Amino acid sequence: MNDMYIVNGLVYVDRQFQNKTIHIEDGKLHLLEPGQKVTGDVFDAAGQRIVPGFIDVHTHGAVGVDVNGASAQDLDKIGRFFAGNGTTSWLASILTDTEEQTRYAISQCLAYQKSHAAGAQLLGIHLEGPFLASEYKGAMPEDLLRKGDLALLSSYQALAEGNVRYTTLSPEVAGVLEMIPALKGLGIVPAIGHSGADYDTAMSAIRAGAMACTHTFNAMALLHQHRPAILGAVLESDVYCEMICDGFHLHPGIVRLLWKTKGVDRLVAITDSIMAAGLPDGNYHLGVNQVVVKDGDAKLASDGTRAGSTLTQDRALRNLLSFTGLPLEQVLPVLTENPARLLGVYDRKGSIEEGKDADLVVLNGENQVTDVFLRGRRLREEA
């Protein structure tokens, strides 16, 4: 089952490209030295590079499917689209919604996970809200935002059978700081964002266990020399910083500033994509919000607030290479290793190492995705 050798390509191992042969067996990868005997099916990757599959921890949809209203079958459409763009694992981000709709979305994510579909693997759920600050709500429906409520979050996690992996909270919202220490026990990684928190409050959240910042610089109080605010706290501390590298959410200079400030090990490239990803400009929705996409830029129809993106991770990779001027081997961790470490799945994903899941992306000289392997299965053979 899934027995194949990938030969003649340059393989990304230990953050450098090396001449290796990959043996895929039962969905796991094994590294061989060049010249070792191969028997069985062979994939010739001559002239190409083999990198770990990309991991997207923050996305609301694609190809006409919005996560909040998606059925399990709809989620499969997203998973297949993502896989074609090199994303082999993802979290489904549920935007702040009614309890009823949130529970529906959670149930469909769980059903999709249990279906063992052939597309990108759904690792779990990201709850973006509802414990968020109204002043920095972005595309969140203000009437559905609420105070911290550990009992509600626990009930969502029980329904998800432990598959809520990540959540975004605003530290200044009543009850949130008290919730954060309990999230580790629930198996949920806390991120802070959509926030106007002052520096001390944000630092308190980080000391309490917050591990990441949601779409850094976007939907938050910005840096001031007398009031460093939440942004100053996340830049100074060791939390992971999500970044949307579509050229709209962050100026290339800000991406370079993030890189210098945080270092490669604390950055996570996300898409924050909505249902319009993979589709032309037009009218769409994000949760309960109406969204207009023009020139690839998604904004709320009501007030022009930016509302997610139409980005894919392969485009994010090429943008990062352009924005930073860095070589591929220095950029890849922000799409692979770092999100895997953030979610606690680095023991099986995020790098090309002996015994890990054979989630692999084949890139040509222009860093375009030419082939993808999902847990050892070649995507083109699954189509």
Protein backbone atom coordinates (compact mmCIF):
# COMPACT_ATOMS: atom_id res chain seq x y z
CA MET A 1 0.00 0.00 0.00
CA ASN A 2 1.40 3.43 -1.00
CA ASP A 3 4.79 1.89 -1.83
CA MET A 4 6.77 4.28 -4.01
CA TYR A 5 10.21 5.83 -4.44
CA ILE A 6 10.80 9.49 -5.26
CA VAL A 7 14.15 9.80 -6.99
CA ASN A 8 16.42 12.41 -8.59
CA GLY A 9 14.91 15.44 -6.86
CA LEU A 10 16.49 17.75 -4.31
CA VAL A 11 14.89 16.98 -0.95
CA TYR A 12 14.40 19.61 1.79
CA VAL A 13 15.97 18.05 4.89
CA ASP A 14 17.33 19.94 7.92
CA ARG A 15 16.47 23.25 6.21
CA GLN A 16 18.64 22.58 3.19
CA PHE A 17 18.24 20.79 -0.11
CA GLN A 18 20.02 17.45 -0.35
CA ASN A 19 20.32 14.58 -2.79
CA LYS A 20 18.12 11.95 -1.19
CA THR A 21 15.72 9.25 -2.30
CA ILE A 22 12.38 9.10 -0.50
CA HIS A 23 10.74 5.75 0.06
CA ILE A 24 7.03 6.01 0.80
CA GLU A 25 5.54 3.02 2.56
CA ASP A 26 2.08 2.85 4.14
CA GLY A 27 1.78 6.63 4.07
CA LYS A 28 5.06 7.23 5.89
CA LEU A 29 8.34 8.48 4.47
CA HIS A 30 11.79 6.97 4.76
CA LEU A 31 14.99 8.62 3.58
CA LEU A 32 17.56 6.72 1.56
CA GLU A 33 20.95 7.83 0.38
CA PRO A 34 21.45 8.26 -3.39
CA GLY A 35 22.41 5.02 -5.06
CA GLN A 36 20.53 2.76 -2.66
CA LYS A 37 18.59 0.06 -4.45
CA VAL A 38 14.96 0.85 -5.23
CA THR A 39 12.36 -1.75 -6.15
CA GLY A 40 8.83 -0.84 -7.06
CA ASP A 41 7.08 2.22 -8.46
CA VAL A 42 9.32 5.22 -9.07
CA PHE A 43 8.43 8.91 -9.33
CA ASP A 44 11.17 10.78 -11.16
CA ALA A 45 11.53 14.30 -9.72
CA ALA A 46 14.51 15.27 -11.84
CA GLY A 47 15.06 19.04 -11.88
CA GLN A 48 12.53 19.62 -9.10
CA ARG A 49 12.54 20.10 -5.35
CA ILE A 50 10.66 18.06 -2.76
CA VAL A 51 9.40 20.03 0.26
CA PRO A 52 7.06 19.28 3.18
CA GLY A 53 3.36 19.85 2.63
CA PHE A 54 2.10 23.28 3.64
CA ILE A 55 -0.08 23.67 6.76
CA ASP A 56 -2.73 26.40 6.96
CA VAL A 57 -3.94 27.10 10.51
CA HIS A 58 -6.35 29.90 9.56
CA THR A 59 -8.77 29.68 6.63
CA HIS A 60 -12.51 30.25 6.26
CA GLY A 61 -13.06 28.59 2.91
CA ALA A 62 -12.45 28.44 -0.83
CA VAL A 63 -14.03 27.52 -4.18
CA GLY A 64 -17.48 28.78 -3.22
CA VAL A 65 -17.58 27.09 0.19
CA ASP A 66 -17.80 29.04 3.47
CA VAL A 67 -16.75 26.99 6.50
CA ASN A 68 -19.53 28.34 8.72
CA GLY A 69 -22.25 26.94 6.48
CA ALA A 70 -20.40 24.02 4.89
CA SER A 71 -21.53 20.42 4.90
CA ALA A 72 -18.99 17.63 5.22
CA GLN A 73 -19.19 17.21 1.44
CA ASP A 74 -18.55 20.92 0.95
CA LEU A 75 -15.48 20.73 3.18
CA ASP A 76 -14.16 18.01 0.91
CA LYS A 77 -14.23 20.52 -1.96
CA ILE A 78 -12.03 22.85 0.08
CA GLY A 79 -9.65 20.03 0.99
CA ARG A 80 -9.20 18.97 -2.62
CA PHE A 81 -8.63 22.56 -3.76
CA PHE A 82 -6.08 23.18 -1.02
CA ALA A 83 -4.20 20.01 -1.88
CA GLY A 84 -3.77 21.15 -5.45
CA ASN A 85 -2.04 24.28 -4.12
CA GLY A 86 0.35 22.40 -1.86
CA THR A 87 -1.62 22.64 1.40
CA THR A 88 -1.70 19.11 2.77
CA SER A 89 -3.11 19.91 6.25
CA TRP A 90 -5.41 22.64 7.54
CA LEU A 91 -7.67 23.93 10.26
CA ALA A 92 -11.22 24.99 9.43
CA SER A 93 -11.71 28.48 10.89
CA ILE A 94 -15.24 29.08 12.18
CA LEU A 95 -16.06 32.76 12.32
CA THR A 96 -18.08 34.14 15.25
CA ASP A 97 -21.67 33.00 14.70
CA THR A 98 -24.77 31.93 16.62
CA GLU A 99 -24.34 28.99 18.97
CA GLU A 100 -26.61 26.93 16.73
CA GLN A 101 -24.61 27.66 13.59
CA THR A 102 -21.29 27.17 15.37
CA ARG A 103 -22.42 23.77 16.58
CA TYR A 104 -23.54 22.87 13.07
CA ALA A 105 -20.15 23.86 11.65
CA ILE A 106 -18.32 21.87 14.32
CA SER A 107 -20.44 18.78 13.63
CA GLN A 108 -19.76 18.97 9.90
CA CYS A 109 -16.02 19.37 10.46
CA LEU A 110 -16.06 16.29 12.66
CA ALA A 111 -18.04 14.32 10.09
CA TYR A 112 -15.58 15.34 7.39
CA GLN A 113 -12.61 14.29 9.51
CA LYS A 114 -14.14 10.87 10.04
CA SER A 115 -14.82 10.43 6.32
CA HIS A 116 -11.09 9.97 5.56
CA ALA A 117 -11.47 12.00 2.38
CA ALA A 118 -8.67 12.16 -0.14
CA GLY A 119 -7.91 15.90 -0.01
CA ALA A 120 -5.80 17.93 2.40
CA GLN A 121 -6.15 16.55 5.92
CA LEU A 122 -8.39 18.52 8.25
CA LEU A 123 -6.41 18.56 11.49
CA GLY A 124 -9.19 20.22 13.43
CA ILE A 125 -11.02 23.46 14.08
CA HIS A 126 -9.99 27.04 14.70
CA LEU A 127 -12.62 29.09 16.54
CA GLU A 128 -12.13 32.76 15.69
CA GLY A 129 -14.26 34.18 18.45
CA PRO A 130 -16.79 34.78 19.89
CA PHE A 131 -14.71 36.18 22.78
CA LEU A 132 -13.46 39.21 20.86
CA ALA A 133 -13.38 42.99 21.27
CA SER A 134 -16.08 44.86 19.36
CA GLU A 135 -13.77 47.81 18.61
CA TYR A 136 -11.52 45.53 16.56
CA LYS A 137 -14.16 43.11 15.33
CA GLY A 138 -13.13 43.24 11.66
CA ALA A 139 -15.63 41.00 9.89
CA MET A 140 -17.11 39.62 13.13
CA PRO A 141 -20.83 40.28 13.69
CA GLU A 142 -20.80 42.61 16.69
CA ASP A 143 -24.09 41.41 18.17
CA LEU A 144 -22.69 37.90 18.52
CA LEU A 145 -19.50 38.83 20.37
CA ARG A 146 -19.53 37.94 24.05
CA LYS A 147 -17.60 37.82 27.31
CA GLY A 148 -15.26 34.97 28.10
CA ASP A 149 -17.18 31.78 28.76
CA LEU A 150 -15.12 28.68 29.48
CA ALA A 151 -18.23 26.53 29.85
CA LEU A 152 -19.35 27.41 26.32
CA LEU A 153 -15.92 26.73 24.86
CA SER A 154 -15.74 23.43 26.75
CA SER A 155 -19.11 22.43 25.32
CA TYR A 156 -17.86 23.19 21.82
CA GLN A 157 -14.79 21.06 22.48
CA ALA A 158 -16.93 18.19 23.78
CA LEU A 159 -19.07 18.33 20.63
CA ALA A 160 -15.90 18.38 18.52
CA GLU A 161 -14.56 15.33 20.37
CA GLY A 162 -11.39 17.25 21.18
CA ASN A 163 -10.86 18.58 17.67
CA VAL A 164 -10.99 22.29 18.47
CA ARG A 165 -7.23 22.83 18.19
CA TYR A 166 -6.87 26.62 18.12
CA THR A 167 -8.86 29.68 19.15
CA THR A 168 -8.54 33.46 18.86
CA LEU A 169 -9.43 35.59 21.89
CA SER A 170 -9.14 39.26 22.87
CA PRO A 171 -7.29 39.57 26.21
CA GLU A 172 -9.14 42.70 27.33
CA VAL A 173 -12.60 41.11 27.06
CA ALA A 174 -14.04 40.28 30.46
CA GLY A 175 -13.31 36.70 31.51
CA VAL A 176 -10.76 35.94 28.78
CA LEU A 177 -7.57 36.20 30.85
CA GLU A 178 -9.07 33.77 33.35
CA MET A 179 -9.89 31.31 30.55
CA ILE A 180 -6.46 31.11 28.95
CA PRO A 181 -4.68 28.87 31.52
CA ALA A 182 -7.47 26.30 31.22
CA LEU A 183 -7.21 25.96 27.44
CA LYS A 184 -4.13 23.74 27.47
CA GLY A 185 -6.08 21.18 29.46
CA LEU A 186 -8.78 21.29 26.80
CA GLY A 187 -6.21 20.68 24.06
CA ILE A 188 -6.70 24.16 22.57
CA VAL A 189 -3.87 26.49 21.55
CA PRO A 190 -4.81 30.10 22.44
CA ALA A 191 -4.02 32.99 20.11
CA ILE A 192 -4.69 36.66 20.81
CA GLY A 193 -6.08 39.09 18.27
CA HIS A 194 -9.00 41.29 17.19
CA SER A 195 -7.87 43.33 20.11
CA GLY A 196 -7.16 46.79 21.47
CA ALA A 197 -5.49 45.38 24.57
CA ASP A 198 -2.84 47.50 26.20
CA TYR A 199 0.70 46.18 26.54
CA ASP A 200 0.33 44.93 30.12
CA THR A 201 -2.92 43.10 29.42
CA ALA A 202 -1.47 41.45 26.31
CA MET A 203 1.63 40.42 28.23
CA SER A 204 -0.57 38.96 30.95
CA ALA A 205 -2.30 36.85 28.30
CA ILE A 206 1.05 35.65 26.98
CA ARG A 207 2.29 34.76 30.46
CA ALA A 208 -1.01 32.92 31.01
CA GLY A 209 -0.37 30.72 27.97
CA ALA A 210 -1.28 32.54 24.75
CA MET A 211 1.00 31.11 22.07
CA ALA A 212 0.23 33.10 18.94
CA CYS A 213 -1.09 36.33 17.48
CA THR A 214 -3.87 36.19 14.91
CA HIS A 215 -3.13 37.94 11.57
CA THR A 216 -0.51 40.21 13.12
CA PHE A 217 -0.93 43.96 12.44
CA ASN A 218 -4.49 43.42 11.22
CA ALA A 219 -7.55 44.09 13.44
CA MET A 220 -5.55 45.19 16.46
CA ALA A 221 -4.20 48.27 18.24
CA LEU A 222 -0.95 49.28 16.59
CA LEU A 223 2.42 50.24 18.02
CA HIS A 224 2.94 53.67 19.62
CA GLN A 225 6.10 54.74 21.39
CA HIS A 226 4.18 55.52 24.59
CA ARG A 227 1.50 52.85 24.19
CA PRO A 228 3.07 49.70 22.69
CA ALA A 229 -0.27 47.89 23.03
CA ILE A 230 -0.91 44.30 21.96
CA LEU A 231 1.31 44.65 18.89
CA GLY A 232 4.28 45.70 20.98
CA ALA A 233 3.73 42.73 23.29
CA VAL A 234 3.62 40.15 20.51
CA LEU A 235 6.63 41.62 18.73
CA GLU A 236 8.71 41.62 21.92
CA SER A 237 7.66 38.17 23.17
CA ASP A 238 8.23 34.70 21.77
CA VAL A 239 4.65 34.04 20.57
CA TYR A 240 4.12 32.91 17.00
CA CYS A 241 2.88 35.63 14.65
CA GLU A 242 0.42 34.76 11.89
CA MET A 243 0.87 36.83 8.74
CA ILE A 244 -1.26 37.16 5.61
CA CYS A 245 1.17 37.64 2.74
CA ASP A 246 -1.21 38.57 -0.07
CA GLY A 247 0.17 42.08 -0.62
CA PHE A 248 -3.06 43.65 0.69
CA HIS A 249 -3.01 42.90 4.42
CA LEU A 250 0.69 43.61 4.93
CA HIS A 251 3.02 45.87 2.97
CA PRO A 252 6.17 43.96 1.90
CA GLY A 253 8.17 46.24 4.18
CA ILE A 254 6.07 45.12 7.16
CA VAL A 255 6.68 41.48 6.21
CA ARG A 256 10.42 42.17 6.22
CA LEU A 257 10.08 43.98 9.56
CA LEU A 258 8.25 41.00 11.04
CA TRP A 259 10.98 38.71 9.74
CA LYS A 260 13.72 40.78 11.38
CA THR A 261 11.81 41.29 14.61
CA LYS A 262 10.49 37.78 15.20
CA GLY A 263 12.96 35.63 13.27
CA VAL A 264 11.98 32.77 11.00
CA ASP A 265 11.13 30.40 13.88
CA ARG A 266 8.20 32.47 15.17
CA LEU A 267 6.33 33.28 11.95
CA VAL A 268 3.37 31.36 10.50
CA ALA A 269 2.08 32.11 7.01
CA ILE A 270 -1.70 31.81 6.82
CA THR A 271 -4.21 32.50 4.07
CA ASP A 272 -7.27 33.64 6.08
CA SER A 273 -8.97 32.75 2.80
CA ILE A 274 -12.70 32.97 2.25
CA MET A 275 -15.04 31.19 -0.16
CA ALA A 276 -13.82 33.43 -3.01
CA ALA A 277 -10.37 31.80 -3.07
CA GLY A 278 -9.94 30.09 -6.43
CA LEU A 279 -12.82 32.06 -7.97
CA PRO A 280 -13.08 35.36 -9.89
CA ASP A 281 -13.99 38.77 -8.48
CA GLY A 282 -17.62 39.13 -7.42
CA ASN A 283 -20.04 39.02 -4.50
CA TYR A 284 -19.54 36.41 -1.79
CA HIS A 285 -20.10 36.00 1.94
CA LEU A 286 -18.08 35.28 5.06
CA GLY A 287 -20.28 33.84 7.76
CA VAL A 288 -23.22 36.27 8.00
CA ASN A 289 -21.37 39.06 6.18
CA GLN A 290 -21.70 40.07 2.54
CA VAL A 291 -18.31 40.47 0.89
CA VAL A 292 -17.24 42.10 -2.37
CA VAL A 293 -14.04 40.92 -4.06
CA LYS A 294 -12.38 43.33 -6.49
CA ASP A 295 -8.96 42.74 -7.99
CA GLY A 296 -8.60 39.80 -5.63
CA ASP A 297 -9.10 41.95 -2.51
CA ALA A 298 -12.02 40.95 -0.25
CA LYS A 299 -13.92 43.64 1.68
CA LEU A 300 -17.20 43.88 3.57
CA ALA A 301 -19.98 45.25 1.37
CA SER A 302 -21.26 47.27 4.34
CA ASP A 303 -18.25 49.43 5.17
CA GLY A 304 -15.23 48.34 3.12
CA THR A 305 -13.45 46.60 6.00
CA ARG A 306 -11.05 43.98 4.67
CA ALA A 307 -12.63 40.56 5.18
CA GLY A 308 -10.27 37.64 4.76
CA SER A 309 -8.38 36.96 1.55
CA THR A 310 -8.39 35.05 -1.71
CA LEU A 311 -4.85 33.79 -1.04
CA THR A 312 -3.52 30.25 -1.46
CA GLN A 313 -0.38 29.01 0.29
CA ASP A 314 1.59 28.42 -2.89
CA ARG A 315 1.02 32.07 -3.79
CA ALA A 316 1.96 33.07 -0.26
CA LEU A 317 5.24 31.22 -0.69
CA ARG A 318 6.07 33.00 -3.94
CA ASN A 319 5.05 36.35 -2.41
CA LEU A 320 7.31 35.75 0.57
CA LEU A 321 10.23 34.95 -1.70
CA SER A 322 9.58 38.20 -3.56
CA PHE A 323 8.96 40.33 -0.47
CA THR A 324 12.00 39.13 1.50
CA GLY A 325 14.53 38.28 -1.21
CA LEU A 326 15.42 35.17 0.79
CA PRO A 327 16.13 31.76 -0.74
CA LEU A 328 13.47 29.05 -0.67
CA GLU A 329 15.17 27.03 2.06
CA GLN A 330 14.96 29.97 4.48
CA VAL A 331 11.30 30.74 3.77
CA LEU A 332 9.76 27.25 3.89
CA PRO A 333 9.58 26.87 7.72
CA VAL A 334 6.84 29.51 8.01
CA LEU A 335 4.51 27.33 5.91
CA THR A 336 5.59 23.91 7.21
CA GLU A 337 7.61 23.45 10.38
CA ASN A 338 6.30 26.42 12.38
CA PRO A 339 2.56 25.75 12.02
CA ALA A 340 3.22 22.10 12.85
CA ARG A 341 5.05 23.10 16.02
CA LEU A 342 2.33 25.61 16.96
CA LEU A 343 -0.36 22.93 16.71
CA GLY A 344 1.72 20.25 18.42
CA VAL A 345 1.83 17.93 15.39
CA TYR A 346 5.52 18.30 14.55
CA ASP A 347 6.10 14.68 15.57
CA ARG A 348 4.34 13.63 12.37
CA LYS A 349 4.10 16.66 10.08
CA GLY A 350 5.95 19.79 9.02
CA SER A 351 9.28 18.36 7.88
CA ILE A 352 10.78 15.55 5.82
CA GLU A 353 12.09 13.17 8.46
CA GLU A 354 12.20 9.43 8.95
CA GLY A 355 8.78 7.97 9.79
CA LYS A 356 6.74 11.14 9.36
CA ASP A 357 3.58 11.39 7.26
CA ALA A 358 4.45 11.45 3.57
CA ASP A 359 2.87 14.87 2.96
CA LEU A 360 5.06 16.19 0.17
CA VAL A 361 4.99 18.96 -2.42
CA VAL A 362 6.99 18.95 -5.65
CA LEU A 363 8.08 22.40 -6.84
CA ASN A 364 9.53 23.35 -10.20
CA GLY A 365 12.17 26.00 -10.82
CA GLU A 366 9.53 28.78 -10.61
CA ASN A 367 8.23 27.41 -7.29
CA GLN A 368 5.00 26.29 -8.88
CA VAL A 369 3.38 23.15 -7.46
CA THR A 370 3.67 20.32 -9.97
CA ASP A 371 2.78 17.32 -7.80
CA VAL A 372 1.51 16.63 -4.28
CA PHE A 373 1.61 13.54 -2.10
CA LEU A 374 -1.02 13.25 0.65
CA ARG A 375 -0.07 10.72 3.33
CA GLY A 376 1.80 8.90 0.57
CA ARG A 377 -0.90 9.04 -2.11
CA ARG A 378 -0.09 11.00 -5.22
CA LEU A 379 -2.82 13.62 -5.68
CA ARG A 380 -3.11 13.12 -9.43
CA GLU A 381 -3.85 9.45 -8.85
CA GLU A 382 -6.67 10.40 -6.47
CA ALA A 383 -8.35 12.80 -8.91
